[in-house]
PDB file of N, CA and C in Angstrom:
ATOM      1  N   UNK A   1       0.845  -1.187   0.000  1.00  0.00           N
ATOM      2  CA  UNK A   1       0.000   0.000   0.000  1.00  0.00           C
ATOM      3  C   UNK A   1       0.885   1.243   0.000  1.00  0.00           C
ATOM      4  N   UNK A   2       0.567   2.149  -0.890  1.00  0.00           N
ATOM      5  CA  UNK A   2       1.303   3.406  -0.984  1.00  0.00           C
ATOM      6  C   UNK A   2       0.603   4.460  -0.128  1.00  0.00           C
ATOM      7  N   UNK A   3       1.352   5.430   0.292  1.00  0.00           N
ATOM      8  CA  UNK A   3       0.817   6.483   1.163  1.00  0.00           C
ATOM      9  C   UNK A   3       0.636   7.766   0.359  1.00  0.00           C
ATOM     10  N   UNK A   4      -0.398   7.795  -0.479  1.00  0.00           N
ATOM     11  CA  UNK A   4      -0.629   8.962  -1.331  1.00  0.00           C
ATOM     12  C   UNK A   4      -0.950  10.215  -0.535  1.00  0.00           C
ATOM     13  N   UNK A   5      -1.501  10.072   0.645  1.00  0.00           N
ATOM     14  CA  UNK A   5      -1.865  11.232   1.448  1.00  0.00           C
ATOM     15  C   UNK A   5      -0.631  12.022   1.889  1.00  0.00           C
ATOM     16  N   UNK A   6       0.553  11.422   1.840  1.00  0.00           N
ATOM     17  CA  UNK A   6       1.769  12.146   2.226  1.00  0.00           C
ATOM     18  C   UNK A   6       2.112  13.285   1.270  1.00  0.00           C
ATOM     19  N   UNK A   7       1.729  13.159   0.021  1.00  0.00           N
ATOM     20  CA  UNK A   7       2.111  14.176  -0.972  1.00  0.00           C
ATOM     21  C   UNK A   7       1.528  15.543  -0.632  1.00  0.00           C
ATOM     22  N   UNK A   8       0.251  15.692  -0.318  1.00  0.00           N
ATOM     23  CA  UNK A   8      -0.225  17.026   0.084  1.00  0.00           C
ATOM     24  C   UNK A   8       0.081  17.373   1.536  1.00  0.00           C
ATOM     25  N   UNK A   9       0.293  16.376   2.390  1.00  0.00           N
ATOM     26  CA  UNK A   9       0.473  16.647   3.823  1.00  0.00           C
ATOM     27  C   UNK A   9       1.897  17.118   4.146  1.00  0.00           C
ATOM     28  N   UNK A  10       2.909  16.595   3.459  1.00  0.00           N
ATOM     29  CA  UNK A  10       4.292  16.968   3.780  1.00  0.00           C
ATOM     30  C   UNK A  10       4.552  18.479   3.669  1.00  0.00           C
ATOM     31  N   UNK A  11       4.185  19.148   2.562  1.00  0.00           N
ATOM     32  CA  UNK A  11       4.392  20.605   2.531  1.00  0.00           C
ATOM     33  C   UNK A  11       3.589  21.343   3.602  1.00  0.00           C
ATOM     34  N   UNK A  12       2.417  20.841   3.939  1.00  0.00           N
ATOM     35  CA  UNK A  12       1.615  21.456   4.990  1.00  0.00           C
ATOM     36  C   UNK A  12       2.303  21.338   6.348  1.00  0.00           C
ATOM     37  N   UNK A  13       2.943  20.211   6.605  1.00  0.00           N
ATOM     38  CA  UNK A  13       3.684  20.028   7.861  1.00  0.00           C
ATOM     39  C   UNK A  13       4.861  20.997   7.924  1.00  0.00           C
ATOM     40  N   UNK A  14       5.607  21.129   6.832  1.00  0.00           N
ATOM     41  CA  UNK A  14       6.721  22.075   6.798  1.00  0.00           C
ATOM     42  C   UNK A  14       6.264  23.504   6.999  1.00  0.00           C
ATOM     43  N   UNK A  15       5.166  23.871   6.396  1.00  0.00           N
ATOM     44  CA  UNK A  15       4.601  25.211   6.564  1.00  0.00           C
ATOM     45  C   UNK A  15       4.174  25.442   8.009  1.00  0.00           C
ATOM     46  N   UNK A  16       3.566  24.441   8.612  1.00  0.00           N
ATOM     47  CA  UNK A  16       3.119  24.570  10.001  1.00  0.00           C
ATOM     48  C   UNK A  16       4.299  24.716  10.942  1.00  0.00           C
ATOM     49  N   UNK A  17       5.348  23.929  10.743  1.00  0.00           N
ATOM     50  CA  UNK A  17       6.530  24.023  11.601  1.00  0.00           C
ATOM     51  C   UNK A  17       7.161  25.398  11.482  1.00  0.00           C
ATOM     52  N   UNK A  18       7.365  25.866  10.251  1.00  0.00           N
ATOM     53  CA  UNK A  18       7.973  27.189  10.073  1.00  0.00           C
ATOM     54  C   UNK A  18       7.050  28.307  10.548  1.00  0.00           C
ATOM     55  N   UNK A  19       5.760  28.135  10.366  1.00  0.00           N
ATOM     56  CA  UNK A  19       4.826  29.176  10.793  1.00  0.00           C
ATOM     57  C   UNK A  19       4.729  29.298  12.297  1.00  0.00           C
ATOM     58  N   UNK A  20       4.764  28.168  13.000  1.00  0.00           N
ATOM     59  CA  UNK A  20       4.620  28.204  14.456  1.00  0.00           C
ATOM     60  C   UNK A  20       5.927  28.468  15.190  1.00  0.00           C
ATOM     61  N   UNK A  21       7.022  27.921  14.677  1.00  0.00           N
ATOM     62  CA  UNK A  21       8.281  27.993  15.415  1.00  0.00           C
ATOM     63  C   UNK A  21       9.386  28.726  14.667  1.00  0.00           C
ATOM     64  N   UNK A  22       9.090  29.325  13.526  1.00  0.00           N
ATOM     65  CA  UNK A  22      10.103  29.939  12.683  1.00  0.00           C
ATOM     66  C   UNK A  22      10.882  31.065  13.333  1.00  0.00           C
ATOM     67  N   UNK A  23      10.240  31.831  14.219  1.00  0.00           N
ATOM     68  CA  UNK A  23      10.949  32.946  14.862  1.00  0.00           C
ATOM     69  C   UNK A  23      12.001  32.462  15.846  1.00  0.00           C
ATOM     70  N   UNK A  24      11.861  31.235  16.325  1.00  0.00           N
ATOM     71  CA  UNK A  24      12.813  30.677  17.287  1.00  0.00           C
ATOM     72  C   UNK A  24      13.962  29.946  16.617  1.00  0.00           C
ATOM     73  N   UNK A  25      13.811  29.614  15.330  1.00  0.00           N
ATOM     74  CA  UNK A  25      14.815  28.830  14.613  1.00  0.00           C
ATOM     75  C   UNK A  25      15.834  29.745  13.937  1.00  0.00           C
ATOM     76  N   UNK A  26      17.061  29.263  13.764  1.00  0.00           N
ATOM     77  CA  UNK A  26      18.017  30.008  12.931  1.00  0.00           C
ATOM     78  C   UNK A  26      17.593  29.960  11.462  1.00  0.00           C
ATOM     79  N   UNK A  27      18.091  30.897  10.706  1.00  0.00           N
ATOM     80  CA  UNK A  27      17.701  31.026   9.299  1.00  0.00           C
ATOM     81  C   UNK A  27      18.024  29.767   8.497  1.00  0.00           C
ATOM     82  N   UNK A  28      19.147  29.155   8.781  1.00  0.00           N
ATOM     83  CA  UNK A  28      19.520  27.956   8.024  1.00  0.00           C
ATOM     84  C   UNK A  28      18.530  26.811   8.251  1.00  0.00           C
ATOM     85  N   UNK A  29      18.023  26.674   9.468  1.00  0.00           N
ATOM     86  CA  UNK A  29      17.038  25.628   9.745  1.00  0.00           C
ATOM     87  C   UNK A  29      15.705  25.938   9.078  1.00  0.00           C
ATOM     88  N   UNK A  30      15.325  27.199   9.051  1.00  0.00           N
ATOM     89  CA  UNK A  30      14.086  27.592   8.385  1.00  0.00           C
ATOM     90  C   UNK A  30      14.165  27.253   6.903  1.00  0.00           C
ATOM     91  N   UNK A  31      15.305  27.566   6.271  1.00  0.00           N
ATOM     92  CA  UNK A  31      15.475  27.248   4.849  1.00  0.00           C
ATOM     93  C   UNK A  31      15.465  25.738   4.612  1.00  0.00           C
ATOM     94  N   UNK A  32      16.096  25.008   5.500  1.00  0.00           N
ATOM     95  CA  UNK A  32      16.129  23.553   5.365  1.00  0.00           C
ATOM     96  C   UNK A  32      14.727  22.962   5.443  1.00  0.00           C
ATOM     97  N   UNK A  33      13.944  23.419   6.403  1.00  0.00           N
ATOM     98  CA  UNK A  33      12.568  22.933   6.534  1.00  0.00           C
ATOM     99  C   UNK A  33      11.744  23.346   5.325  1.00  0.00           C
ATOM    100  N   UNK A  34      11.928  24.585   4.868  1.00  0.00           N
ATOM    101  CA  UNK A  34      11.162  25.090   3.728  1.00  0.00           C
ATOM    102  C   UNK A  34      11.473  24.316   2.448  1.00  0.00           C
ATOM    103  N   UNK A  35      12.658  23.744   2.351  1.00  0.00           N
ATOM    104  CA  UNK A  35      13.011  22.969   1.158  1.00  0.00           C
ATOM    105  C   UNK A  35      12.822  21.466   1.344  1.00  0.00           C
ATOM    106  N   UNK A  36      13.018  20.974   2.560  1.00  0.00           N
ATOM    107  CA  UNK A  36      12.992  19.526   2.783  1.00  0.00           C
ATOM    108  C   UNK A  36      11.598  18.930   2.614  1.00  0.00           C
ATOM    109  N   UNK A  37      10.596  19.571   3.162  1.00  0.00           N
ATOM    110  CA  UNK A  37       9.256  18.988   3.113  1.00  0.00           C
ATOM    111  C   UNK A  37       8.650  19.006   1.704  1.00  0.00           C
ATOM    112  N   UNK A  38       8.684  20.129   0.978  1.00  0.00           N
ATOM    113  CA  UNK A  38       8.215  20.067  -0.423  1.00  0.00           C
ATOM    114  C   UNK A  38       9.106  19.175  -1.292  1.00  0.00           C
ATOM    115  N   UNK A  39      10.407  19.144  -0.981  1.00  0.00           N
ATOM    116  CA  UNK A  39      11.311  18.261  -1.726  1.00  0.00           C
ATOM    117  C   UNK A  39      10.983  16.798  -1.513  1.00  0.00           C
ATOM    118  N   UNK A  40      10.681  16.435  -0.275  1.00  0.00           N
ATOM    119  CA  UNK A  40      10.299  15.055   0.016  1.00  0.00           C
ATOM    120  C   UNK A  40       8.988  14.706  -0.683  1.00  0.00           C
ATOM    121  N   UNK A  41       8.068  15.645  -0.729  1.00  0.00           N
ATOM    122  CA  UNK A  41       6.809  15.426  -1.426  1.00  0.00           C
ATOM    123  C   UNK A  41       7.048  15.208  -2.919  1.00  0.00           C
ATOM    124  N   UNK A  42       7.945  15.987  -3.509  1.00  0.00           N
ATOM    125  CA  UNK A  42       8.260  15.848  -4.920  1.00  0.00           C
ATOM    126  C   UNK A  42       8.942  14.511  -5.205  1.00  0.00           C
ATOM    127  N   UNK A  43       9.897  14.141  -4.376  1.00  0.00           N
ATOM    128  CA  UNK A  43      10.603  12.874  -4.577  1.00  0.00           C
ATOM    129  C   UNK A  43       9.635  11.698  -4.465  1.00  0.00           C
ATOM    130  N   UNK A  44       8.743  11.738  -3.496  1.00  0.00           N
ATOM    131  CA  UNK A  44       7.777  10.654  -3.335  1.00  0.00           C
ATOM    132  C   UNK A  44       6.789  10.618  -4.499  1.00  0.00           C
ATOM    133  N   UNK A  45       6.418  11.779  -5.017  1.00  0.00           N
ATOM    134  CA  UNK A  45       5.533  11.825  -6.179  1.00  0.00           C
ATOM    135  C   UNK A  45       6.208  11.191  -7.397  1.00  0.00           C
ATOM    136  N   UNK A  46       7.477  11.489  -7.614  1.00  0.00           N
ATOM    137  CA  UNK A  46       8.203  10.877  -8.727  1.00  0.00           C
ATOM    138  C   UNK A  46       8.362   9.378  -8.518  1.00  0.00           C
ATOM    139  N   UNK A  47       8.616   8.972  -7.281  1.00  0.00           N
ATOM    140  CA  UNK A  47       8.713   7.536  -6.983  1.00  0.00           C
ATOM    141  C   UNK A  47       7.403   6.826  -7.325  1.00  0.00           C
ATOM    142  N   UNK A  48       6.288   7.396  -6.906  1.00  0.00           N
ATOM    143  CA  UNK A  48       4.990   6.796  -7.203  1.00  0.00           C
ATOM    144  C   UNK A  48       4.719   6.765  -8.704  1.00  0.00           C
ATOM    145  N   UNK A  49       5.073   7.840  -9.395  1.00  0.00           N
ATOM    146  CA  UNK A  49       4.829   7.899 -10.838  1.00  0.00           C
ATOM    147  C   UNK A  49       5.602   6.814 -11.583  1.00  0.00           C
ATOM    148  N   UNK A  50       6.769   6.469 -11.069  1.00  0.00           N
ATOM    149  CA  UNK A  50       7.595   5.477 -11.750  1.00  0.00           C
ATOM    150  C   UNK A  50       7.301   4.037 -11.327  1.00  0.00           C
ATOM    151  N   UNK A  51       6.651   3.846 -10.187  1.00  0.00           N
ATOM    152  CA  UNK A  51       6.481   2.486  -9.682  1.00  0.00           C
ATOM    153  C   UNK A  51       5.043   1.985  -9.630  1.00  0.00           C
ATOM    154  N   UNK A  52       4.069   2.866  -9.554  1.00  0.00           N
ATOM    155  CA  UNK A  52       2.681   2.429  -9.383  1.00  0.00           C
ATOM    156  C   UNK A  52       2.084   2.051 -10.727  1.00  0.00           C
ATOM    157  N   UNK A  53       1.382   0.932 -10.744  1.00  0.00           N
ATOM    158  CA  UNK A  53       0.666   0.529 -11.946  1.00  0.00           C
ATOM    159  C   UNK A  53      -0.682   1.234 -11.961  1.00  0.00           C
ATOM    160  N   UNK A  54      -0.977   1.932 -13.058  1.00  0.00           N
ATOM    161  CA  UNK A  54      -2.182   2.753 -13.150  1.00  0.00           C
ATOM    162  C   UNK A  54      -3.330   1.982 -13.754  1.00  0.00           C
ATOM    163  N   UNK A  55      -4.550   2.264 -13.410  1.00  0.00           N
ATOM    164  CA  UNK A  55      -5.014   3.172 -12.357  1.00  0.00           C
ATOM    165  C   UNK A  55      -4.833   2.536 -10.982  1.00  0.00           C
ATOM    166  N   UNK A  56      -4.612   3.383 -10.007  1.00  0.00           N
ATOM    167  CA  UNK A  56      -4.380   2.940  -8.635  1.00  0.00           C
ATOM    168  C   UNK A  56      -5.392   3.629  -7.734  1.00  0.00           C
ATOM    169  N   UNK A  57      -6.044   2.865  -6.881  1.00  0.00           N
ATOM    170  CA  UNK A  57      -7.054   3.397  -5.964  1.00  0.00           C
ATOM    171  C   UNK A  57      -6.621   3.102  -4.543  1.00  0.00           C
ATOM    172  N   UNK A  58      -6.779   4.083  -3.695  1.00  0.00           N
ATOM    173  CA  UNK A  58      -6.456   3.937  -2.275  1.00  0.00           C
ATOM    174  C   UNK A  58      -7.636   4.490  -1.471  1.00  0.00           C
ATOM    175  N   UNK A  59      -8.353   3.611  -0.798  1.00  0.00           N
ATOM    176  CA  UNK A  59      -9.519   4.019  -0.021  1.00  0.00           C
ATOM    177  C   UNK A  59      -9.131   4.144   1.443  1.00  0.00           C
ATOM    178  N   UNK A  60      -9.547   5.252   2.071  1.00  0.00           N
ATOM    179  CA  UNK A  60      -9.196   5.503   3.471  1.00  0.00           C
ATOM    180  C   UNK A  60     -10.359   5.322   4.429  1.00  0.00           C
ATOM    181  N   UNK A  61     -11.562   5.324   3.943  1.00  0.00           N
ATOM    182  CA  UNK A  61     -12.696   5.144   4.836  1.00  0.00           C
ATOM    183  C   UNK A  61     -14.007   5.422   4.144  1.00  0.00           C
ATOM    184  N   UNK A  62     -15.050   5.318   4.919  1.00  0.00           N
ATOM    185  CA  UNK A  62     -16.401   5.554   4.404  1.00  0.00           C
ATOM    186  C   UNK A  62     -16.789   6.996   4.693  1.00  0.00           C
ATOM    187  N   UNK A  63     -17.224   7.701   3.651  1.00  0.00           N
ATOM    188  CA  UNK A  63     -17.656   9.076   3.825  1.00  0.00           C
ATOM    189  C   UNK A  63     -19.135   9.128   4.167  1.00  0.00           C
ATOM    190  N   UNK A  64     -19.932   8.315   3.444  1.00  0.00           N
ATOM    191  CA  UNK A  64     -21.370   8.337   3.657  1.00  0.00           C
ATOM    192  C   UNK A  64     -21.939   6.953   3.345  1.00  0.00           C
ATOM    193  N   UNK A  65     -22.908   6.552   4.140  1.00  0.00           N
ATOM    194  CA  UNK A  65     -23.563   5.267   3.930  1.00  0.00           C
ATOM    195  C   UNK A  65     -25.068   5.456   4.071  1.00  0.00           C
ATOM    196  N   UNK A  66     -25.813   4.928   3.121  1.00  0.00           N
ATOM    197  CA  UNK A  66     -27.281   4.974   3.149  1.00  0.00           C
ATOM    198  C   UNK A  66     -27.796   3.627   2.668  1.00  0.00           C
ATOM    199  N   UNK A  67     -28.154   2.774   3.600  1.00  0.00           N
ATOM    200  CA  UNK A  67     -28.607   1.432   3.254  1.00  0.00           C
ATOM    201  C   UNK A  67     -27.472   0.636   2.648  1.00  0.00           C
ATOM    202  N   UNK A  68     -27.659   0.156   1.417  1.00  0.00           N
ATOM    203  CA  UNK A  68     -26.617  -0.594   0.719  1.00  0.00           C
ATOM    204  C   UNK A  68     -25.672   0.310  -0.070  1.00  0.00           C
ATOM    205  N   UNK A  69     -25.991   1.592  -0.157  1.00  0.00           N
ATOM    206  CA  UNK A  69     -25.191   2.546  -0.919  1.00  0.00           C
ATOM    207  C   UNK A  69     -24.088   3.127  -0.034  1.00  0.00           C
ATOM    208  N   UNK A  70     -22.849   3.030  -0.485  1.00  0.00           N
ATOM    209  CA  UNK A  70     -21.707   3.521   0.285  1.00  0.00           C
ATOM    210  C   UNK A  70     -20.836   4.402  -0.608  1.00  0.00           C
ATOM    211  N   UNK A  71     -20.407   5.544  -0.063  1.00  0.00           N
ATOM    212  CA  UNK A  71     -19.449   6.417  -0.747  1.00  0.00           C
ATOM    213  C   UNK A  71     -18.183   6.440   0.093  1.00  0.00           C
ATOM    214  N   UNK A  72     -17.087   6.004  -0.506  1.00  0.00           N
ATOM    215  CA  UNK A  72     -15.795   5.987   0.180  1.00  0.00           C
ATOM    216  C   UNK A  72     -14.987   7.227  -0.193  1.00  0.00           C
ATOM    217  N   UNK A  73     -14.013   7.557   0.647  1.00  0.00           N
ATOM    218  CA  UNK A  73     -13.087   8.618   0.291  1.00  0.00           C
ATOM    219  C   UNK A  73     -11.681   8.049   0.279  1.00  0.00           C
ATOM    220  N   UNK A  74     -10.853   8.643  -0.554  1.00  0.00           N
ATOM    221  CA  UNK A  74      -9.484   8.176  -0.693  1.00  0.00           C
ATOM    222  C   UNK A  74      -8.801   8.904  -1.836  1.00  0.00           C
ATOM    223  N   UNK A  75      -7.822   8.247  -2.424  1.00  0.00           N
ATOM    224  CA  UNK A  75      -7.047   8.835  -3.510  1.00  0.00           C
ATOM    225  C   UNK A  75      -7.069   7.898  -4.709  1.00  0.00           C
ATOM    226  N   UNK A  76      -6.973   8.499  -5.879  1.00  0.00           N
ATOM    227  CA  UNK A  76      -6.926   7.746  -7.120  1.00  0.00           C
ATOM    228  C   UNK A  76      -5.819   8.317  -7.986  1.00  0.00           C
ATOM    229  N   UNK A  77      -5.034   7.439  -8.576  1.00  0.00           N
ATOM    230  CA  UNK A  77      -4.016   7.854  -9.530  1.00  0.00           C
ATOM    231  C   UNK A  77      -4.371   7.298 -10.898  1.00  0.00           C
ATOM    232  N   UNK A  78      -4.455   8.197 -11.862  1.00  0.00           N
ATOM    233  CA  UNK A  78      -4.565   7.811 -13.257  1.00  0.00           C
ATOM    234  C   UNK A  78      -3.558   8.657 -14.028  1.00  0.00           C
ATOM    235  N   UNK A  79      -3.558   8.566 -15.356  1.00  0.00           N
ATOM    236  CA  UNK A  79      -2.532   9.282 -16.117  1.00  0.00           C
ATOM    237  C   UNK A  79      -2.581  10.791 -15.902  1.00  0.00           C
ATOM    238  N   UNK A  80      -3.772  11.372 -15.888  1.00  0.00           N
ATOM    239  CA  UNK A  80      -3.897  12.817 -15.720  1.00  0.00           C
ATOM    240  C   UNK A  80      -3.492  13.253 -14.317  1.00  0.00           C
ATOM    241  N   UNK A  81      -3.923  12.523 -13.294  1.00  0.00           N
ATOM    242  CA  UNK A  81      -3.577  12.921 -11.924  1.00  0.00           C
ATOM    243  C   UNK A  81      -2.084  12.753 -11.659  1.00  0.00           C
ATOM    244  N   UNK A  82      -1.450  11.751 -12.267  1.00  0.00           N
ATOM    245  CA  UNK A  82       0.001  11.599 -12.117  1.00  0.00           C
ATOM    246  C   UNK A  82       0.720  12.765 -12.782  1.00  0.00           C
ATOM    247  N   UNK A  83       0.282  13.143 -13.964  1.00  0.00           N
ATOM    248  CA  UNK A  83       0.901  14.278 -14.650  1.00  0.00           C
ATOM    249  C   UNK A  83       0.768  15.557 -13.822  1.00  0.00           C
ATOM    250  N   UNK A  84      -0.421  15.826 -13.322  1.00  0.00           N
ATOM    251  CA  UNK A  84      -0.632  17.031 -12.516  1.00  0.00           C
ATOM    252  C   UNK A  84       0.136  16.967 -11.202  1.00  0.00           C
ATOM    253  N   UNK A  85       0.209  15.795 -10.584  1.00  0.00           N
ATOM    254  CA  UNK A  85       0.960  15.615  -9.346  1.00  0.00           C
ATOM    255  C   UNK A  85       2.437  15.953  -9.572  1.00  0.00           C
ATOM    256  N   UNK A  86       2.992  15.487 -10.682  1.00  0.00           N
ATOM    257  CA  UNK A  86       4.399  15.757 -10.970  1.00  0.00           C
ATOM    258  C   UNK A  86       4.634  17.227 -11.293  1.00  0.00           C
ATOM    259  N   UNK A  87       3.743  17.823 -12.055  1.00  0.00           N
ATOM    260  CA  UNK A  87       3.893  19.242 -12.399  1.00  0.00           C
ATOM    261  C   UNK A  87       3.810  20.105 -11.149  1.00  0.00           C
ATOM    262  N   UNK A  88       2.813  19.875 -10.321  1.00  0.00           N
ATOM    263  CA  UNK A  88       2.606  20.718  -9.140  1.00  0.00           C
ATOM    264  C   UNK A  88       3.739  20.550  -8.135  1.00  0.00           C
ATOM    265  N   UNK A  89       4.137  19.309  -7.842  1.00  0.00           N
ATOM    266  CA  UNK A  89       5.188  19.121  -6.836  1.00  0.00           C
ATOM    267  C   UNK A  89       6.552  19.588  -7.338  1.00  0.00           C
ATOM    268  N   UNK A  90       6.858  19.348  -8.609  1.00  0.00           N
ATOM    269  CA  UNK A  90       8.166  19.753  -9.141  1.00  0.00           C
ATOM    270  C   UNK A  90       8.271  21.267  -9.251  1.00  0.00           C
ATOM    271  N   UNK A  91       7.283  21.913  -9.828  1.00  0.00           N
ATOM    272  CA  UNK A  91       7.335  23.371  -9.960  1.00  0.00           C
ATOM    273  C   UNK A  91       7.224  24.026  -8.585  1.00  0.00           C
ATOM    274  N   UNK A  92       6.423  23.457  -7.694  1.00  0.00           N
ATOM    275  CA  UNK A  92       6.357  23.988  -6.330  1.00  0.00           C
ATOM    276  C   UNK A  92       7.694  23.929  -5.628  1.00  0.00           C
ATOM    277  N   UNK A  93       8.428  22.845  -5.804  1.00  0.00           N
ATOM    278  CA  UNK A  93       9.749  22.739  -5.190  1.00  0.00           C
ATOM    279  C   UNK A  93      10.733  23.735  -5.797  1.00  0.00           C
ATOM    280  N   UNK A  94      10.690  23.890  -7.116  1.00  0.00           N
ATOM    281  CA  UNK A  94      11.574  24.861  -7.777  1.00  0.00           C
ATOM    282  C   UNK A  94      11.258  26.279  -7.294  1.00  0.00           C
ATOM    283  N   UNK A  95       9.994  26.585  -7.093  1.00  0.00           N
ATOM    284  CA  UNK A  95       9.611  27.894  -6.557  1.00  0.00           C
ATOM    285  C   UNK A  95      10.162  28.073  -5.151  1.00  0.00           C
ATOM    286  N   UNK A  96      10.126  27.037  -4.342  1.00  0.00           N
ATOM    287  CA  UNK A  96      10.689  27.121  -2.987  1.00  0.00           C
ATOM    288  C   UNK A  96      12.195  27.354  -3.030  1.00  0.00           C
ATOM    289  N   UNK A  97      12.890  26.699  -3.939  1.00  0.00           N
ATOM    290  CA  UNK A  97      14.339  26.909  -4.076  1.00  0.00           C
ATOM    291  C   UNK A  97      14.617  28.357  -4.455  1.00  0.00           C
ATOM    292  N   UNK A  98      13.895  28.862  -5.437  1.00  0.00           N
ATOM    293  CA  UNK A  98      14.073  30.253  -5.855  1.00  0.00           C
ATOM    294  C   UNK A  98      13.738  31.225  -4.713  1.00  0.00           C
ATOM    295  N   UNK A  99      12.636  30.985  -4.026  1.00  0.00           N
ATOM    296  CA  UNK A  99      12.187  31.911  -2.989  1.00  0.00           C
ATOM    297  C   UNK A  99      13.147  31.947  -1.808  1.00  0.00           C
ATOM    298  N   UNK A 100      13.699  30.795  -1.420  1.00  0.00           N
ATOM    299  CA  UNK A 100      14.649  30.817  -0.300  1.00  0.00           C
ATOM    300  C   UNK A 100      15.914  31.590  -0.657  1.00  0.00           C
ATOM    301  N   UNK A 101      16.355  31.495  -1.901  1.00  0.00           N
ATOM    302  CA  UNK A 101      17.511  32.277  -2.330  1.00  0.00           C
ATOM    303  C   UNK A 101      17.179  33.766  -2.454  1.00  0.00           C
ATOM    304  N   UNK A 102      15.999  34.081  -2.963  1.00  0.00           N
ATOM    305  CA  UNK A 102      15.592  35.459  -3.167  1.00  0.00           C
ATOM    306  C   UNK A 102      15.348  36.187  -1.845  1.00  0.00           C
ATOM    307  N   UNK A 103      14.767  35.470  -0.889  1.00  0.00           N
ATOM    308  CA  UNK A 103      14.417  36.093   0.398  1.00  0.00           C
ATOM    309  C   UNK A 103      15.560  36.038   1.417  1.00  0.00           C
ATOM    310  N   UNK A 104      16.711  35.546   1.010  1.00  0.00           N
ATOM    311  CA  UNK A 104      17.826  35.377   1.938  1.00  0.00           C
ATOM    312  C   UNK A 104      18.287  36.710   2.517  1.00  0.00           C
ATOM    313  N   UNK A 105      18.274  37.736   1.721  1.00  0.00           N
ATOM    314  CA  UNK A 105      18.765  39.034   2.209  1.00  0.00           C
ATOM    315  C   UNK A 105      17.604  39.849   2.601  1.00  0.00           C
TER     316      UNK A 105
END
């Protein structure tokens, strides 16, 4: 089982850490956190794109149930979602690299 939920959660965790504790951290640690979490998300997205057989479905639970009718929630990977996942995570990481260098001074 792959952990698709990590891809959107990792950058959110990095943002939360820097947002809550950033004033207490040295600048080098802030930059490391700002790059490590989106970078890890990008690397994991590329790993999934290269290893998962498509289409891939990952169900996390039941959202709604009415008699015999059930709606589950989870993640799905198909060709379009893999392409968008790679574009968003890769360009997002490149933007973070640029922004950390630009905001350094």
